[in-house]
Amino acid sequence: MSYVMFLQHLFSAKRRVLLLYLLVISIPIVYYITSRVIEVRNNKLLIKYSELSYHLQQHSIMAKKSNIKSHKKSDPIDIEINKSFKNKNIIFTVSLLDGGKCFVEINSAKFSNLLDAIIDVSNKYDINVSSADIYLHQDDDDGYVAGKIIFFK
């Protein structure tokens, strides 16, 4: 059988109709499978989106409960510490150190007020404690303390 006869036999009228029929049927099948794959991917992405949206809402609620605010205008660290410590009736002095640190010497404070002031500074102004040396006040036994604290931002 020669090559020409092979091609004539391969592309005879009956076979051309059969190939065309298979092509016409396979196109919708491929389209259906592709659309299903895309639909499954979209559903997975929608599930991930709803989970992320839920977590974002939860974190927003927690931030609102914790009074976390974004400070566009940030005061120097010593002014922010002064604000919190003055409101708690603490006798203290503040000095700025190199590297964005602040040294606070506590002369007299109730221990609970001092803890409240430290927590207030940390939560409101995002200032952390680098080191703290707190001891009982020498002159008083009524729960008053003195000490030294170094804050950093």
C-alpha atoms as a PDB file:
ATOM      1  CA  MET A   1       0.000   0.000   0.000  1.00  0.00           C
ATOM      2  CA  SER A   2       1.471   3.282  -1.041  1.00  0.00           C
ATOM      3  CA  TYR A   3       1.545   6.440   0.942  1.00  0.00           C
ATOM      4  CA  VAL A   4      -1.088   8.144  -1.208  1.00  0.00           C
ATOM      5  CA  MET A   5      -3.463   5.248  -0.815  1.00  0.00           C
ATOM      6  CA  PHE A   6      -2.888   5.286   2.924  1.00  0.00           C
ATOM      7  CA  LEU A   7      -3.848   8.979   3.100  1.00  0.00           C
ATOM      8  CA  GLN A   8      -6.908   8.401   0.933  1.00  0.00           C
ATOM      9  CA  HIS A   9      -7.966   5.539   3.132  1.00  0.00           C
ATOM     10  CA  LEU A  10      -7.305   7.564   6.314  1.00  0.00           C
ATOM     11  CA  PHE A  11      -9.274  10.576   5.145  1.00  0.00           C
ATOM     12  CA  SER A  12     -12.083   8.828   3.399  1.00  0.00           C
ATOM     13  CA  ALA A  13     -15.532  10.393   3.614  1.00  0.00           C
ATOM     14  CA  LYS A  14     -16.725   8.081   6.361  1.00  0.00           C
ATOM     15  CA  ARG A  15     -13.693   8.718   8.493  1.00  0.00           C
ATOM     16  CA  ARG A  16     -13.895  12.476   8.014  1.00  0.00           C
ATOM     17  CA  VAL A  17     -17.471  12.435   9.263  1.00  0.00           C
ATOM     18  CA  LEU A  18     -16.428  10.329  12.231  1.00  0.00           C
ATOM     19  CA  LEU A  19     -13.514  12.654  13.099  1.00  0.00           C
ATOM     20  CA  LEU A  20     -15.762  15.702  12.774  1.00  0.00           C
ATOM     21  CA  TYR A  21     -18.381  14.043  14.976  1.00  0.00           C
ATOM     22  CA  LEU A  22     -15.758  13.256  17.669  1.00  0.00           C
ATOM     23  CA  LEU A  23     -14.473  16.816  17.510  1.00  0.00           C
ATOM     24  CA  VAL A  24     -17.967  18.280  17.875  1.00  0.00           C
ATOM     25  CA  ILE A  25     -18.693  16.078  20.891  1.00  0.00           C
ATOM     26  CA  SER A  26     -15.324  16.614  22.586  1.00  0.00           C
ATOM     27  CA  ILE A  27     -15.533  20.444  22.552  1.00  0.00           C
ATOM     28  CA  PRO A  28     -18.540  20.640  24.946  1.00  0.00           C
ATOM     29  CA  ILE A  29     -17.000  17.987  27.182  1.00  0.00           C
ATOM     30  CA  VAL A  30     -13.750  19.951  27.472  1.00  0.00           C
ATOM     31  CA  TYR A  31     -15.747  23.150  28.054  1.00  0.00           C
ATOM     32  CA  TYR A  32     -17.812  21.482  30.807  1.00  0.00           C
ATOM     33  CA  ILE A  33     -14.749  20.060  32.586  1.00  0.00           C
ATOM     34  CA  THR A  34     -12.917  23.395  32.386  1.00  0.00           C
ATOM     35  CA  SER A  35     -15.904  25.303  33.768  1.00  0.00           C
ATOM     36  CA  ARG A  36     -16.202  22.841  36.679  1.00  0.00           C
ATOM     37  CA  VAL A  37     -12.505  23.209  37.545  1.00  0.00           C
ATOM     38  CA  ILE A  38     -12.840  26.999  37.506  1.00  0.00           C
ATOM     39  CA  GLU A  39     -15.984  26.811  39.647  1.00  0.00           C
ATOM     40  CA  VAL A  40     -14.244  24.637  42.257  1.00  0.00           C
ATOM     41  CA  ARG A  41     -11.300  27.066  42.403  1.00  0.00           C
ATOM     42  CA  ASN A  42     -13.683  30.012  42.775  1.00  0.00           C
ATOM     43  CA  ASN A  43     -15.495  28.273  45.632  1.00  0.00           C
ATOM     44  CA  LYS A  44     -12.203  27.622  47.429  1.00  0.00           C
ATOM     45  CA  LEU A  45     -11.176  31.264  46.997  1.00  0.00           C
ATOM     46  CA  LEU A  46     -14.554  32.450  48.290  1.00  0.00           C
ATOM     47  CA  ILE A  47     -14.154  30.265  51.377  1.00  0.00           C
ATOM     48  CA  LYS A  48     -10.668  31.672  52.008  1.00  0.00           C
ATOM     49  CA  TYR A  49     -11.965  35.204  51.472  1.00  0.00           C
ATOM     50  CA  SER A  50     -14.775  34.725  53.996  1.00  0.00           C
ATOM     51  CA  GLU A  51     -12.330  33.270  56.549  1.00  0.00           C
ATOM     52  CA  LEU A  52      -9.967  36.219  56.114  1.00  0.00           C
ATOM     53  CA  SER A  53     -12.878  38.637  56.387  1.00  0.00           C
ATOM     54  CA  TYR A  54     -14.003  36.957  59.613  1.00  0.00           C
ATOM     55  CA  HIS A  55     -10.490  37.139  61.114  1.00  0.00           C
ATOM     56  CA  LEU A  56     -10.169  40.782  60.101  1.00  0.00           C
ATOM     57  CA  GLN A  57     -13.454  41.582  61.828  1.00  0.00           C
ATOM     58  CA  GLN A  58     -12.371  39.716  64.965  1.00  0.00           C
ATOM     59  CA  HIS A  59      -9.054  41.573  65.113  1.00  0.00           C
ATOM     60  CA  SER A  60     -10.841  44.879  64.551  1.00  0.00           C
ATOM     61  CA  ILE A  61     -13.207  44.134  67.420  1.00  0.00           C
ATOM     62  CA  MET A  62     -10.278  43.160  69.678  1.00  0.00           C
ATOM     63  CA  ALA A  63      -8.412  46.338  68.720  1.00  0.00           C
ATOM     64  CA  LYS A  64     -11.475  48.430  69.471  1.00  0.00           C
ATOM     65  CA  LYS A  65     -11.942  46.742  72.864  1.00  0.00           C
ATOM     66  CA  SER A  66      -8.260  47.261  73.692  1.00  0.00           C
ATOM     67  CA  ASN A  67      -8.398  50.930  72.644  1.00  0.00           C
ATOM     68  CA  ILE A  68      -5.576  50.397  70.189  1.00  0.00           C
ATOM     69  CA  LYS A  69      -5.271  53.508  68.088  1.00  0.00           C
ATOM     70  CA  SER A  70      -2.976  54.481  65.301  1.00  0.00           C
ATOM     71  CA  HIS A  71      -1.186  57.645  66.327  1.00  0.00           C
ATOM     72  CA  LYS A  72      -0.565  59.798  63.303  1.00  0.00           C
ATOM     73  CA  LYS A  73       1.198  62.420  65.372  1.00  0.00           C
ATOM     74  CA  SER A  74       3.495  60.758  67.859  1.00  0.00           C
ATOM     75  CA  ASP A  75       4.713  62.787  70.817  1.00  0.00           C
ATOM     76  CA  PRO A  76       8.242  62.309  72.089  1.00  0.00           C
ATOM     77  CA  ILE A  77       8.589  59.394  74.472  1.00  0.00           C
ATOM     78  CA  ASP A  78       9.101  61.576  77.563  1.00  0.00           C
ATOM     79  CA  ILE A  79       5.881  63.535  76.973  1.00  0.00           C
ATOM     80  CA  GLU A  80       3.866  60.335  76.559  1.00  0.00           C
ATOM     81  CA  ILE A  81       5.320  58.911  79.782  1.00  0.00           C
ATOM     82  CA  ASN A  82       4.630  62.199  81.609  1.00  0.00           C
ATOM     83  CA  LYS A  83       0.968  62.059  80.564  1.00  0.00           C
ATOM     84  CA  SER A  84       0.420  58.577  81.970  1.00  0.00           C
ATOM     85  CA  PHE A  85       2.456  58.951  85.150  1.00  0.00           C
ATOM     86  CA  LYS A  86       0.951  62.329  86.152  1.00  0.00           C
ATOM     87  CA  ASN A  87      -2.556  60.895  85.945  1.00  0.00           C
ATOM     88  CA  LYS A  88      -1.606  58.207  88.495  1.00  0.00           C
ATOM     89  CA  ASN A  89      -0.267  60.560  91.250  1.00  0.00           C
ATOM     90  CA  ILE A  90       3.314  59.356  90.933  1.00  0.00           C
ATOM     91  CA  ILE A  91       6.281  61.500  91.992  1.00  0.00           C
ATOM     92  CA  PHE A  92       8.947  60.999  89.333  1.00  0.00           C
ATOM     93  CA  THR A  93      11.577  62.568  87.089  1.00  0.00           C
ATOM     94  CA  VAL A  94      12.097  61.790  83.411  1.00  0.00           C
ATOM     95  CA  SER A  95      15.354  61.958  81.441  1.00  0.00           C
ATOM     96  CA  LEU A  96      15.958  61.166  77.790  1.00  0.00           C
ATOM     97  CA  LEU A  97      18.728  58.714  76.923  1.00  0.00           C
ATOM     98  CA  ASP A  98      20.450  57.930  73.646  1.00  0.00           C
ATOM     99  CA  GLY A  99      18.861  55.477  71.219  1.00  0.00           C
ATOM    100  CA  GLY A 100      15.250  56.519  71.809  1.00  0.00           C
ATOM    101  CA  LYS A 101      15.257  55.387  75.437  1.00  0.00           C
ATOM    102  CA  CYS A 102      13.843  57.215  78.418  1.00  0.00           C
ATOM    103  CA  PHE A 103      14.945  56.925  82.064  1.00  0.00           C
ATOM    104  CA  VAL A 104      12.265  57.388  84.732  1.00  0.00           C
ATOM    105  CA  GLU A 105      13.211  57.685  88.387  1.00  0.00           C
ATOM    106  CA  ILE A 106      10.278  56.959  90.670  1.00  0.00           C
ATOM    107  CA  ASN A 107      10.548  58.841  93.969  1.00  0.00           C
ATOM    108  CA  SER A 108       7.237  57.770  95.459  1.00  0.00           C
ATOM    109  CA  ALA A 109       4.243  55.870  94.134  1.00  0.00           C
ATOM    110  CA  LYS A 110       1.672  53.341  95.219  1.00  0.00           C
ATOM    111  CA  PHE A 111       2.627  50.034  93.692  1.00  0.00           C
ATOM    112  CA  SER A 112      -0.776  49.534  92.039  1.00  0.00           C
ATOM    113  CA  ASN A 113      -0.674  53.048  90.524  1.00  0.00           C
ATOM    114  CA  LEU A 114       2.814  52.395  89.163  1.00  0.00           C
ATOM    115  CA  LEU A 115       1.707  49.143  87.521  1.00  0.00           C
ATOM    116  CA  ASP A 116      -1.344  50.887  86.050  1.00  0.00           C
ATOM    117  CA  ALA A 117       0.871  53.652  84.629  1.00  0.00           C
ATOM    118  CA  ILE A 118       3.298  51.156  83.064  1.00  0.00           C
ATOM    119  CA  ILE A 119       0.439  49.204  81.465  1.00  0.00           C
ATOM    120  CA  ASP A 120      -1.137  52.467  80.295  1.00  0.00           C
ATOM    121  CA  VAL A 121       2.121  53.589  78.649  1.00  0.00           C
ATOM    122  CA  SER A 122       2.536  50.211  76.945  1.00  0.00           C
ATOM    123  CA  ASN A 123      -1.014  49.988  75.617  1.00  0.00           C
ATOM    124  CA  LYS A 124      -1.647  53.585  74.575  1.00  0.00           C
ATOM    125  CA  TYR A 125       1.716  54.668  73.227  1.00  0.00           C
ATOM    126  CA  ASP A 126       3.422  51.393  72.262  1.00  0.00           C
ATOM    127  CA  ILE A 127       6.298  52.040  74.652  1.00  0.00           C
ATOM    128  CA  ASN A 128       8.028  49.018  76.189  1.00  0.00           C
ATOM    129  CA  VAL A 129      10.011  48.511  79.379  1.00  0.00           C
ATOM    130  CA  SER A 130      13.696  47.827  78.829  1.00  0.00           C
ATOM    131  CA  SER A 131      14.598  47.372  82.490  1.00  0.00           C
ATOM    132  CA  ALA A 132      13.006  48.074  85.857  1.00  0.00           C
ATOM    133  CA  ASP A 133      14.356  48.209  89.405  1.00  0.00           C
ATOM    134  CA  ILE A 134      11.476  48.675  91.855  1.00  0.00           C
ATOM    135  CA  TYR A 135      11.884  48.503  95.628  1.00  0.00           C
ATOM    136  CA  LEU A 136       9.903  49.432  98.744  1.00  0.00           C
ATOM    137  CA  HIS A 137      10.138  53.088  99.722  1.00  0.00           C
ATOM    138  CA  GLN A 138      12.435  53.635 102.719  1.00  0.00           C
ATOM    139  CA  ASP A 139      10.230  56.091 104.596  1.00  0.00           C
ATOM    140  CA  ASP A 140       6.816  54.511 104.298  1.00  0.00           C
ATOM    141  CA  ASP A 141       5.245  51.104 104.880  1.00  0.00           C
ATOM    142  CA  ASP A 142       1.880  51.867 103.240  1.00  0.00           C
ATOM    143  CA  GLY A 143       2.642  50.138  99.941  1.00  0.00           C
ATOM    144  CA  TYR A 144       4.697  52.959  98.462  1.00  0.00           C
ATOM    145  CA  VAL A 145       7.585  52.086  96.193  1.00  0.00           C
ATOM    146  CA  ALA A 146      10.508  53.813  94.506  1.00  0.00           C
ATOM    147  CA  GLY A 147      12.688  52.733  91.639  1.00  0.00           C
ATOM    148  CA  LYS A 148      14.156  53.233  88.212  1.00  0.00           C
ATOM    149  CA  ILE A 149      12.647  52.236  84.876  1.00  0.00           C
ATOM    150  CA  ILE A 150      14.073  52.488  81.366  1.00  0.00           C
ATOM    151  CA  PHE A 151      11.524  52.659  78.545  1.00  0.00           C
ATOM    152  CA  PHE A 152      12.086  52.346  74.807  1.00  0.00           C
ATOM    153  CA  LYS A 153       9.878  52.900  71.800  1.00  0.00           C
END
